[in-house]
Amino acid sequence: LYYADAEKPIDIRLDVIQSEQDTSTYACVSVTDQGPGLSSIEQQR
């Protein structure tokens, strides 16, 4: 909400994903904005 423009929506997802290494499953929660984005260096920092 802080970095995205007020008129842009925020998407929140909960997905159930099967592990490729074994039979375990895990939940993935994600939050997607339409803000300025990040460079590959920024994504690490």
All heavy atoms as atom14 arrays in JSON, in Angstrom:
{
  "sequence": "LYYADAEKPIDIRLDVIQSEQDTSTYACVSVTDQGPGLSSIEQQR",
  "atom14_mask": [
    [1, 1, 1, 1, 1, 1, 1, 1, 0, 0, 0, 0, 0, 0],
    [1, 1, 1, 1, 1, 1, 1, 1, 1, 1, 1, 1, 0, 0],
    [1, 1, 1, 1, 1, 1, 1, 1, 1, 1, 1, 1, 0, 0],
    [1, 1, 1, 1, 1, 0, 0, 0, 0, 0, 0, 0, 0, 0],
    [1, 1, 1, 1, 1, 1, 1, 1, 0, 0, 0, 0, 0, 0],
    [1, 1, 1, 1, 1, 0, 0, 0, 0, 0, 0, 0, 0, 0],
    [1, 1, 1, 1, 1, 1, 1, 1, 1, 0, 0, 0, 0, 0],
    [1, 1, 1, 1, 1, 1, 1, 1, 1, 0, 0, 0, 0, 0],
    [1, 1, 1, 1, 1, 1, 1, 0, 0, 0, 0, 0, 0, 0],
    [1, 1, 1, 1, 1, 1, 1, 1, 0, 0, 0, 0, 0, 0],
    [1, 1, 1, 1, 1, 1, 1, 1, 0, 0, 0, 0, 0, 0],
    [1, 1, 1, 1, 1, 1, 1, 1, 0, 0, 0, 0, 0, 0],
    [1, 1, 1, 1, 1, 1, 1, 1, 1, 1, 1, 0, 0, 0],
    [1, 1, 1, 1, 1, 1, 1, 1, 0, 0, 0, 0, 0, 0],
    [1, 1, 1, 1, 1, 1, 1, 1, 0, 0, 0, 0, 0, 0],
    [1, 1, 1, 1, 1, 1, 1, 0, 0, 0, 0, 0, 0, 0],
    [1, 1, 1, 1, 1, 1, 1, 1, 0, 0, 0, 0, 0, 0],
    [1, 1, 1, 1, 1, 1, 1, 1, 1, 0, 0, 0, 0, 0],
    [1, 1, 1, 1, 1, 1, 0, 0, 0, 0, 0, 0, 0, 0],
    [1, 1, 1, 1, 1, 1, 1, 1, 1, 0, 0, 0, 0, 0],
    [1, 1, 1, 1, 1, 1, 1, 1, 1, 0, 0, 0, 0, 0],
    [1, 1, 1, 1, 1, 1, 1, 1, 0, 0, 0, 0, 0, 0],
    [1, 1, 1, 1, 1, 1, 1, 0, 0, 0, 0, 0, 0, 0],
    [1, 1, 1, 1, 1, 1, 0, 0, 0, 0, 0, 0, 0, 0],
    [1, 1, 1, 1, 1, 1, 1, 0, 0, 0, 0, 0, 0, 0],
    [1, 1, 1, 1, 1, 1, 1, 1, 1, 1, 1, 1, 0, 0],
    [1, 1, 1, 1, 1, 0, 0, 0, 0, 0, 0, 0, 0, 0],
    [1, 1, 1, 1, 1, 1, 0, 0, 0, 0, 0, 0, 0, 0],
    [1, 1, 1, 1, 1, 1, 1, 0, 0, 0, 0, 0, 0, 0],
    [1, 1, 1, 1, 1, 1, 0, 0, 0, 0, 0, 0, 0, 0],
    [1, 1, 1, 1, 1, 1, 1, 0, 0, 0, 0, 0, 0, 0],
    [1, 1, 1, 1, 1, 1, 1, 0, 0, 0, 0, 0, 0, 0],
    [1, 1, 1, 1, 1, 1, 1, 1, 0, 0, 0, 0, 0, 0],
    [1, 1, 1, 1, 1, 1, 1, 1, 1, 0, 0, 0, 0, 0],
    [1, 1, 1, 1, 0, 0, 0, 0, 0, 0, 0, 0, 0, 0],
    [1, 1, 1, 1, 1, 1, 1, 0, 0, 0, 0, 0, 0, 0],
    [1, 1, 1, 1, 0, 0, 0, 0, 0, 0, 0, 0, 0, 0],
    [1, 1, 1, 1, 1, 1, 1, 1, 0, 0, 0, 0, 0, 0],
    [1, 1, 1, 1, 1, 1, 0, 0, 0, 0, 0, 0, 0, 0],
    [1, 1, 1, 1, 1, 1, 0, 0, 0, 0, 0, 0, 0, 0],
    [1, 1, 1, 1, 1, 1, 1, 1, 0, 0, 0, 0, 0, 0],
    [1, 1, 1, 1, 1, 1, 1, 1, 1, 0, 0, 0, 0, 0],
    [1, 1, 1, 1, 1, 1, 1, 1, 1, 0, 0, 0, 0, 0],
    [1, 1, 1, 1, 1, 1, 1, 1, 1, 0, 0, 0, 0, 0],
    [1, 1, 1, 1, 1, 1, 1, 1, 1, 1, 1, 0, 0, 0]
  ],
  "atom14_positions": [
    [[0.83, -1.21, 0.0], [0.0, 0.0, 0.0], [0.86, 1.26, 0.0], [0.5, 2.27, -0.6], [-0.91, 0.0, 1.23], [-2.0, -1.08, 1.27], [-2.68, -1.08, 2.63], [-3.02, -0.86, 0.17], [0.0, 0.0, 0.0], [0.0, 0.0, 0.0], [0.0, 0.0, 0.0], [0.0, 0.0, 0.0], [0.0, 0.0, 0.0], [0.0, 0.0, 0.0]],
    [[2.01, 1.18, 0.65], [2.89, 2.32, 0.8], [3.51, 2.72, -0.53], [3.61, 3.91, -0.85], [3.96, 2.0, 1.83], [4.93, 3.12, 2.11], [4.53, 4.23, 2.84], [6.23, 3.07, 1.64], [5.41, 5.26, 3.1], [7.12, 4.1, 1.89], [6.71, 5.19, 2.62], [7.58, 6.2, 2.88], [0.0, 0.0, 0.0], [0.0, 0.0, 0.0]],
    [[3.9, 1.74, -1.35], [4.64, 2.04, -2.56], [3.77, 2.09, -3.83], [4.2, 2.62, -4.85], [5.77, 1.03, -2.76], [6.93, 1.27, -1.83], [7.16, 0.44, -0.75], [7.78, 2.36, -2.02], [8.22, 0.68, 0.13], [8.83, 2.61, -1.15], [9.04, 1.76, -0.09], [10.07, 2.0, 0.78], [0.0, 0.0, 0.0], [0.0, 0.0, 0.0]],
    [[2.57, 1.52, -3.79], [1.71, 1.51, -4.97], [0.78, 2.72, -4.97], [0.36, 3.2, -3.91], [0.91, 0.22, -5.02], [0.0, 0.0, 0.0], [0.0, 0.0, 0.0], [0.0, 0.0, 0.0], [0.0, 0.0, 0.0], [0.0, 0.0, 0.0], [0.0, 0.0, 0.0], [0.0, 0.0, 0.0], [0.0, 0.0, 0.0], [0.0, 0.0, 0.0]],
    [[0.45, 3.21, -6.15], [-0.5, 4.33, -6.26], [-1.85, 3.92, -5.7], [-2.25, 2.75, -5.78], [-0.65, 4.75, -7.72], [0.62, 5.38, -8.27], [1.38, 5.94, -7.46], [0.85, 5.32, -9.49], [0.0, 0.0, 0.0], [0.0, 0.0, 0.0], [0.0, 0.0, 0.0], [0.0, 0.0, 0.0], [0.0, 0.0, 0.0], [0.0, 0.0, 0.0]],
    [[-2.57, 4.91, -5.17], [-3.83, 4.63, -4.47], [-4.87, 3.97, -5.37], [-5.71, 3.2, -4.89], [-4.39, 5.93, -3.88], [0.0, 0.0, 0.0], [0.0, 0.0, 0.0], [0.0, 0.0, 0.0], [0.0, 0.0, 0.0], [0.0, 0.0, 0.0], [0.0, 0.0, 0.0], [0.0, 0.0, 0.0], [0.0, 0.0, 0.0], [0.0, 0.0, 0.0]],
    [[-4.83, 4.26, -6.66], [-5.85, 3.69, -7.55], [-5.51, 2.28, -8.02], [-6.34, 1.61, -8.65], [-6.05, 4.6, -8.78], [-4.85, 4.7, -9.7], [-3.89, 5.8, -9.28], [-4.05, 6.33, -8.16], [-2.98, 6.13, -10.08], [0.0, 0.0, 0.0], [0.0, 0.0, 0.0], [0.0, 0.0, 0.0], [0.0, 0.0, 0.0], [0.0, 0.0, 0.0]],
    [[-4.3, 1.81, -7.7], [-3.88, 0.48, -8.13], [-4.27, -0.57, -7.07], [-4.07, -0.35, -5.88], [-2.37, 0.45, -8.35], [-1.88, 1.44, -9.4], [-2.34, 1.05, -10.78], [-1.84, 2.03, -11.82], [-0.36, 2.04, -11.93], [0.0, 0.0, 0.0], [0.0, 0.0, 0.0], [0.0, 0.0, 0.0], [0.0, 0.0, 0.0], [0.0, 0.0, 0.0]],
    [[-4.81, -1.72, -7.51], [-5.21, -2.76, -6.54], [-4.02, -3.52, -5.97], [-2.94, -3.57, -6.57], [-6.11, -3.68, -7.37], [-5.57, -3.55, -8.76], [-5.12, -2.1, -8.89], [0.0, 0.0, 0.0], [0.0, 0.0, 0.0], [0.0, 0.0, 0.0], [0.0, 0.0, 0.0], [0.0, 0.0, 0.0], [0.0, 0.0, 0.0], [0.0, 0.0, 0.0]],
    [[-4.22, -4.14, -4.82], [-3.26, -5.03, -4.19], [-3.87, -6.44, -4.21], [-5.02, -6.62, -3.81], [-2.97, -4.62, -2.73], [-2.52, -3.15, -2.67], [-1.92, -5.53, -2.12], [-1.25, -2.85, -3.41], [0.0, 0.0, 0.0], [0.0, 0.0, 0.0], [0.0, 0.0, 0.0], [0.0, 0.0, 0.0], [0.0, 0.0, 0.0], [0.0, 0.0, 0.0]],
    [[-3.1, -7.42, -4.65], [-3.6, -8.8, -4.73], [-2.91, -9.67, -3.68], [-1.67, -9.69, -3.61], [-3.35, -9.4, -6.12], [-4.15, -8.7, -7.2], [-5.19, -8.1, -6.87], [-3.75, -8.75, -8.38], [0.0, 0.0, 0.0], [0.0, 0.0, 0.0], [0.0, 0.0, 0.0], [0.0, 0.0, 0.0], [0.0, 0.0, 0.0], [0.0, 0.0, 0.0]],
    [[-3.72, -10.39, -2.9], [-3.19, -11.32, -1.9], [-3.64, -12.72, -2.27], [-4.84, -12.96, -2.48], [-3.65, -10.97, -0.47], [-3.01, -9.67, 0.01], [-3.27, -12.06, 0.51], [-3.8, -8.44, -0.27], [0.0, 0.0, 0.0], [0.0, 0.0, 0.0], [0.0, 0.0, 0.0], [0.0, 0.0, 0.0], [0.0, 0.0, 0.0], [0.0, 0.0, 0.0]],
    [[-2.71, -13.66, -2.35], [-3.02, -15.02, -2.73], [-2.51, -16.02, -1.68], [-1.48, -15.79, -1.06], [-2.37, -15.39, -4.08], [-2.8, -14.56, -5.26], [-2.19, -15.13, -6.53], [-2.67, -16.49, -6.76], [-3.75, -16.78, -7.47], [-4.47, -15.81, -8.02], [-4.13, -18.04, -7.64], [0.0, 0.0, 0.0], [0.0, 0.0, 0.0], [0.0, 0.0, 0.0]],
    [[-3.27, -17.09, -1.54], [-2.82, -18.25, -0.75], [-2.91, -19.46, -1.66], [-4.0, -19.82, -2.13], [-3.68, -18.44, 0.49], [-3.48, -19.74, 1.26], [-2.04, -19.9, 1.72], [-4.43, -19.82, 2.45], [0.0, 0.0, 0.0], [0.0, 0.0, 0.0], [0.0, 0.0, 0.0], [0.0, 0.0, 0.0], [0.0, 0.0, 0.0], [0.0, 0.0, 0.0]],
    [[-1.77, -20.08, -1.92], [-1.72, -21.26, -2.79], [-1.14, -22.44, -2.03], [-0.25, -22.27, -1.17], [-0.86, -20.99, -4.03], [-1.47, -19.91, -4.91], [-2.59, -20.1, -5.38], [-0.8, -18.86, -5.12], [0.0, 0.0, 0.0], [0.0, 0.0, 0.0], [0.0, 0.0, 0.0], [0.0, 0.0, 0.0], [0.0, 0.0, 0.0], [0.0, 0.0, 0.0]],
    [[-1.62, -23.62, -2.35], [-1.07, -24.86, -1.81], [-0.21, -25.5, -2.9], [-0.69, -25.76, -4.0], [-2.19, -25.82, -1.37], [-1.59, -27.15, -0.9], [-3.02, -25.19, -0.26], [0.0, 0.0, 0.0], [0.0, 0.0, 0.0], [0.0, 0.0, 0.0], [0.0, 0.0, 0.0], [0.0, 0.0, 0.0], [0.0, 0.0, 0.0], [0.0, 0.0, 0.0]],
    [[1.07, -25.72, -2.59], [2.04, -26.15, -3.59], [2.67, -27.47, -3.17], [3.06, -27.64, -2.0], [3.12, -25.07, -3.81], [2.47, -23.76, -4.26], [4.16, -25.54, -4.82], [3.42, -22.61, -4.4], [0.0, 0.0, 0.0], [0.0, 0.0, 0.0], [0.0, 0.0, 0.0], [0.0, 0.0, 0.0], [0.0, 0.0, 0.0], [0.0, 0.0, 0.0]],
    [[2.79, -28.38, -4.14], [3.43, -29.67, -3.91], [4.93, -29.54, -4.13], [5.37, -28.99, -5.14], [2.86, -30.72, -4.87], [3.44, -32.11, -4.7], [2.94, -32.8, -3.45], [1.76, -32.71, -3.12], [3.83, -33.47, -2.74], [0.0, 0.0, 0.0], [0.0, 0.0, 0.0], [0.0, 0.0, 0.0], [0.0, 0.0, 0.0], [0.0, 0.0, 0.0]],
    [[5.71, -30.01, -3.18], [7.17, -29.95, -3.31], [7.65, -30.84, -4.44], [7.14, -31.95, -4.63], [7.84, -30.37, -1.99], [9.23, -30.46, -2.17], [0.0, 0.0, 0.0], [0.0, 0.0, 0.0], [0.0, 0.0, 0.0], [0.0, 0.0, 0.0], [0.0, 0.0, 0.0], [0.0, 0.0, 0.0], [0.0, 0.0, 0.0], [0.0, 0.0, 0.0]],
    [[8.62, -30.37, -5.23], [9.18, -31.16, -6.31], [10.2, -32.17, -5.8], [10.52, -33.15, -6.48], [9.85, -30.23, -7.34], [8.88, -29.29, -8.03], [9.57, -28.38, -9.02], [10.82, -28.47, -9.14], [8.88, -27.59, -9.7], [0.0, 0.0, 0.0], [0.0, 0.0, 0.0], [0.0, 0.0, 0.0], [0.0, 0.0, 0.0], [0.0, 0.0, 0.0]],
    [[10.75, -31.96, -4.59], [11.77, -32.84, -4.05], [11.18, -34.06, -3.32], [11.75, -35.14, -3.33], [12.69, -32.08, -3.08], [13.69, -31.17, -3.76], [13.05, -29.9, -4.3], [12.07, -29.42, -3.76], [13.62, -29.36, -5.37], [0.0, 0.0, 0.0], [0.0, 0.0, 0.0], [0.0, 0.0, 0.0], [0.0, 0.0, 0.0], [0.0, 0.0, 0.0]],
    [[10.03, -33.87, -2.68], [9.44, -34.97, -1.93], [7.92, -34.86, -1.99], [7.37, -34.14, -2.81], [9.93, -34.96, -0.47], [9.78, -33.58, 0.17], [8.72, -32.96, -0.05], [10.7, -33.14, 0.87], [0.0, 0.0, 0.0], [0.0, 0.0, 0.0], [0.0, 0.0, 0.0], [0.0, 0.0, 0.0], [0.0, 0.0, 0.0], [0.0, 0.0, 0.0]],
    [[7.26, -35.59, -1.13], [5.79, -35.61, -1.15], [5.16, -34.55, -0.26], [3.94, -34.51, -0.12], [5.3, -37.0, -0.69], [5.8, -37.25, 0.64], [5.78, -38.09, -1.64], [0.0, 0.0, 0.0], [0.0, 0.0, 0.0], [0.0, 0.0, 0.0], [0.0, 0.0, 0.0], [0.0, 0.0, 0.0], [0.0, 0.0, 0.0], [0.0, 0.0, 0.0]],
    [[5.97, -33.71, 0.35], [5.43, -32.7, 1.26], [4.75, -31.57, 0.48], [5.03, -31.34, -0.7], [6.55, -32.14, 2.13], [7.51, -31.47, 1.33], [0.0, 0.0, 0.0], [0.0, 0.0, 0.0], [0.0, 0.0, 0.0], [0.0, 0.0, 0.0], [0.0, 0.0, 0.0], [0.0, 0.0, 0.0], [0.0, 0.0, 0.0], [0.0, 0.0, 0.0]],
    [[3.86, -30.91, 1.16], [3.19, -29.73, 0.59], [3.44, -28.53, 1.48], [3.71, -28.67, 2.67], [1.67, -29.97, 0.46], [1.13, -30.28, 1.75], [1.37, -31.1, -0.51], [0.0, 0.0, 0.0], [0.0, 0.0, 0.0], [0.0, 0.0, 0.0], [0.0, 0.0, 0.0], [0.0, 0.0, 0.0], [0.0, 0.0, 0.0], [0.0, 0.0, 0.0]],
    [[3.35, -27.36, 0.88], [3.54, -26.15, 1.66], [2.6, -25.07, 1.16], [2.12, -25.11, 0.01], [4.99, -25.68, 1.63], [5.54, -25.38, 0.25], [5.47, -24.1, -0.28], [6.15, -26.38, -0.51], [5.99, -23.82, -1.54], [6.66, -26.11, -1.76], [6.58, -24.83, -2.27], [7.08, -24.55, -3.52], [0.0, 0.0, 0.0], [0.0, 0.0, 0.0]],
    [[2.32, -24.13, 2.02], [1.47, -22.99, 1.68], [2.35, -21.81, 1.27], [3.39, -21.57, 1.87], [0.61, -22.6, 2.88], [0.0, 0.0, 0.0], [0.0, 0.0, 0.0], [0.0, 0.0, 0.0], [0.0, 0.0, 0.0], [0.0, 0.0, 0.0], [0.0, 0.0, 0.0], [0.0, 0.0, 0.0], [0.0, 0.0, 0.0], [0.0, 0.0, 0.0]],
    [[1.91, -21.12, 0.23], [2.62, -19.92, -0.23], [1.66, -18.74, -0.19], [0.62, -18.75, -0.86], [3.16, -20.12, -1.64], [4.08, -18.67, -2.28], [0.0, 0.0, 0.0], [0.0, 0.0, 0.0], [0.0, 0.0, 0.0], [0.0, 0.0, 0.0], [0.0, 0.0, 0.0], [0.0, 0.0, 0.0], [0.0, 0.0, 0.0], [0.0, 0.0, 0.0]],
    [[1.99, -17.75, 0.63], [1.2, -16.52, 0.72], [1.97, -15.43, -0.02], [3.15, -15.22, 0.24], [0.97, -16.11, 2.18], [0.15, -14.83, 2.25], [0.28, -17.23, 2.95], [0.0, 0.0, 0.0], [0.0, 0.0, 0.0], [0.0, 0.0, 0.0], [0.0, 0.0, 0.0], [0.0, 0.0, 0.0], [0.0, 0.0, 0.0], [0.0, 0.0, 0.0]],
    [[1.3, -14.74, -0.93], [1.97, -13.7, -1.72], [1.15, -12.42, -1.74], [-0.08, -12.46, -1.68], [2.22, -14.18, -3.15], [1.0, -14.47, -3.81], [0.0, 0.0, 0.0], [0.0, 0.0, 0.0], [0.0, 0.0, 0.0], [0.0, 0.0, 0.0], [0.0, 0.0, 0.0], [0.0, 0.0, 0.0], [0.0, 0.0, 0.0], [0.0, 0.0, 0.0]],
    [[1.85, -11.31, -1.82], [1.22, -9.98, -1.9], [1.81, -9.27, -3.11], [3.03, -9.05, -3.18], [1.47, -9.16, -0.62], [0.86, -7.76, -0.76], [0.91, -9.87, 0.6], [0.0, 0.0, 0.0], [0.0, 0.0, 0.0], [0.0, 0.0, 0.0], [0.0, 0.0, 0.0], [0.0, 0.0, 0.0], [0.0, 0.0, 0.0], [0.0, 0.0, 0.0]],
    [[0.97, -8.92, -4.06], [1.42, -8.31, -5.32], [0.92, -6.87, -5.42], [-0.26, -6.6, -5.21], [0.9, -9.11, -6.52], [1.37, -10.46, -6.43], [1.38, -8.5, -7.84], [0.0, 0.0, 0.0], [0.0, 0.0, 0.0], [0.0, 0.0, 0.0], [0.0, 0.0, 0.0], [0.0, 0.0, 0.0], [0.0, 0.0, 0.0], [0.0, 0.0, 0.0]],
    [[1.84, -5.96, -5.73], [1.47, -4.56, -5.94], [1.86, -4.16, -7.36], [2.56, -4.9, -8.07], [2.16, -3.64, -4.93], [3.67, -3.65, -5.06], [4.19, -3.23, -6.11], [4.36, -4.05, -4.09], [0.0, 0.0, 0.0], [0.0, 0.0, 0.0], [0.0, 0.0, 0.0], [0.0, 0.0, 0.0], [0.0, 0.0, 0.0], [0.0, 0.0, 0.0]],
    [[1.4, -3.0, -7.77], [1.75, -2.44, -9.08], [2.56, -1.16, -8.88], [2.35, -0.16, -9.54], [0.5, -2.17, -9.9], [-0.32, -3.43, -10.19], [-1.54, -3.16, -11.02], [-1.52, -2.33, -11.94], [-2.63, -3.85, -10.72], [0.0, 0.0, 0.0], [0.0, 0.0, 0.0], [0.0, 0.0, 0.0], [0.0, 0.0, 0.0], [0.0, 0.0, 0.0]],
    [[3.52, -1.24, -7.96], [4.37, -0.11, -7.65], [5.56, -0.01, -8.59], [5.55, -0.55, -9.7], [0.0, 0.0, 0.0], [0.0, 0.0, 0.0], [0.0, 0.0, 0.0], [0.0, 0.0, 0.0], [0.0, 0.0, 0.0], [0.0, 0.0, 0.0], [0.0, 0.0, 0.0], [0.0, 0.0, 0.0], [0.0, 0.0, 0.0], [0.0, 0.0, 0.0]],
    [[6.63, 0.68, -8.16], [7.77, 0.96, -9.03], [8.64, -0.25, -9.33], [9.45, -0.22, -10.25], [8.56, 2.01, -8.25], [8.2, 1.77, -6.82], [6.77, 1.33, -6.84], [0.0, 0.0, 0.0], [0.0, 0.0, 0.0], [0.0, 0.0, 0.0], [0.0, 0.0, 0.0], [0.0, 0.0, 0.0], [0.0, 0.0, 0.0], [0.0, 0.0, 0.0]],
    [[8.5, -1.33, -8.57], [9.31, -2.51, -8.81], [10.73, -2.37, -8.25], [11.13, -1.32, -7.78], [0.0, 0.0, 0.0], [0.0, 0.0, 0.0], [0.0, 0.0, 0.0], [0.0, 0.0, 0.0], [0.0, 0.0, 0.0], [0.0, 0.0, 0.0], [0.0, 0.0, 0.0], [0.0, 0.0, 0.0], [0.0, 0.0, 0.0], [0.0, 0.0, 0.0]],
    [[11.48, -3.47, -8.34], [12.82, -3.52, -7.76], [13.8, -4.13, -8.76], [13.46, -5.07, -9.48], [12.81, -4.38, -6.49], [11.96, -3.9, -5.31], [11.75, -5.05, -4.34], [12.63, -2.73, -4.62], [0.0, 0.0, 0.0], [0.0, 0.0, 0.0], [0.0, 0.0, 0.0], [0.0, 0.0, 0.0], [0.0, 0.0, 0.0], [0.0, 0.0, 0.0]],
    [[15.01, -3.62, -8.76], [16.08, -4.22, -9.56], [16.54, -5.5, -8.88], [16.21, -5.77, -7.72], [17.25, -3.25, -9.69], [17.88, -3.06, -8.43], [0.0, 0.0, 0.0], [0.0, 0.0, 0.0], [0.0, 0.0, 0.0], [0.0, 0.0, 0.0], [0.0, 0.0, 0.0], [0.0, 0.0, 0.0], [0.0, 0.0, 0.0], [0.0, 0.0, 0.0]],
    [[17.32, -6.3, -9.59], [17.81, -7.56, -9.02], [18.69, -7.31, -7.8], [18.67, -8.07, -6.83], [18.58, -8.35, -10.08], [19.66, -7.57, -10.59], [0.0, 0.0, 0.0], [0.0, 0.0, 0.0], [0.0, 0.0, 0.0], [0.0, 0.0, 0.0], [0.0, 0.0, 0.0], [0.0, 0.0, 0.0], [0.0, 0.0, 0.0], [0.0, 0.0, 0.0]],
    [[19.47, -6.23, -7.83], [20.33, -5.89, -6.68], [19.47, -5.49, -5.48], [19.7, -5.93, -4.35], [21.3, -4.75, -7.05], [22.27, -5.23, -8.13], [22.07, -4.28, -5.82], [23.22, -4.15, -8.62], [0.0, 0.0, 0.0], [0.0, 0.0, 0.0], [0.0, 0.0, 0.0], [0.0, 0.0, 0.0], [0.0, 0.0, 0.0], [0.0, 0.0, 0.0]],
    [[18.45, -4.67, -5.73], [17.56, -4.24, -4.64], [16.84, -5.43, -4.02], [16.61, -5.47, -2.81], [16.53, -3.24, -5.17], [17.1, -1.91, -5.59], [17.41, -1.05, -4.39], [16.49, -0.64, -3.7], [18.6, -0.81, -4.15], [0.0, 0.0, 0.0], [0.0, 0.0, 0.0], [0.0, 0.0, 0.0], [0.0, 0.0, 0.0], [0.0, 0.0, 0.0]],
    [[16.49, -6.43, -4.84], [15.77, -7.6, -4.33], [16.6, -8.36, -3.31], [16.05, -9.02, -2.42], [15.39, -8.52, -5.49], [14.31, -7.92, -6.4], [14.01, -8.81, -7.59], [13.86, -10.03, -7.44], [13.92, -8.22, -8.76], [0.0, 0.0, 0.0], [0.0, 0.0, 0.0], [0.0, 0.0, 0.0], [0.0, 0.0, 0.0], [0.0, 0.0, 0.0]],
    [[17.91, -8.27, -3.42], [18.78, -8.91, -2.43], [18.94, -8.04, -1.19], [18.96, -8.53, -0.06], [20.15, -9.18, -3.06], [20.1, -10.13, -4.25], [19.6, -11.52, -3.88], [19.95, -12.04, -2.82], [18.79, -12.11, -4.74], [0.0, 0.0, 0.0], [0.0, 0.0, 0.0], [0.0, 0.0, 0.0], [0.0, 0.0, 0.0], [0.0, 0.0, 0.0]],
    [[19.03, -6.73, -1.38], [19.36, -5.83, -0.28], [18.21, -5.57, 0.68], [18.41, -5.3, 1.86], [19.85, -4.48, -0.84], [21.18, -4.55, -1.54], [21.58, -3.17, -2.02], [22.93, -3.16, -2.57], [23.54, -2.07, -3.05], [22.89, -0.92, -3.04], [24.75, -2.14, -3.53], [0.0, 0.0, 0.0], [0.0, 0.0, 0.0], [0.0, 0.0, 0.0]]
  ]
}
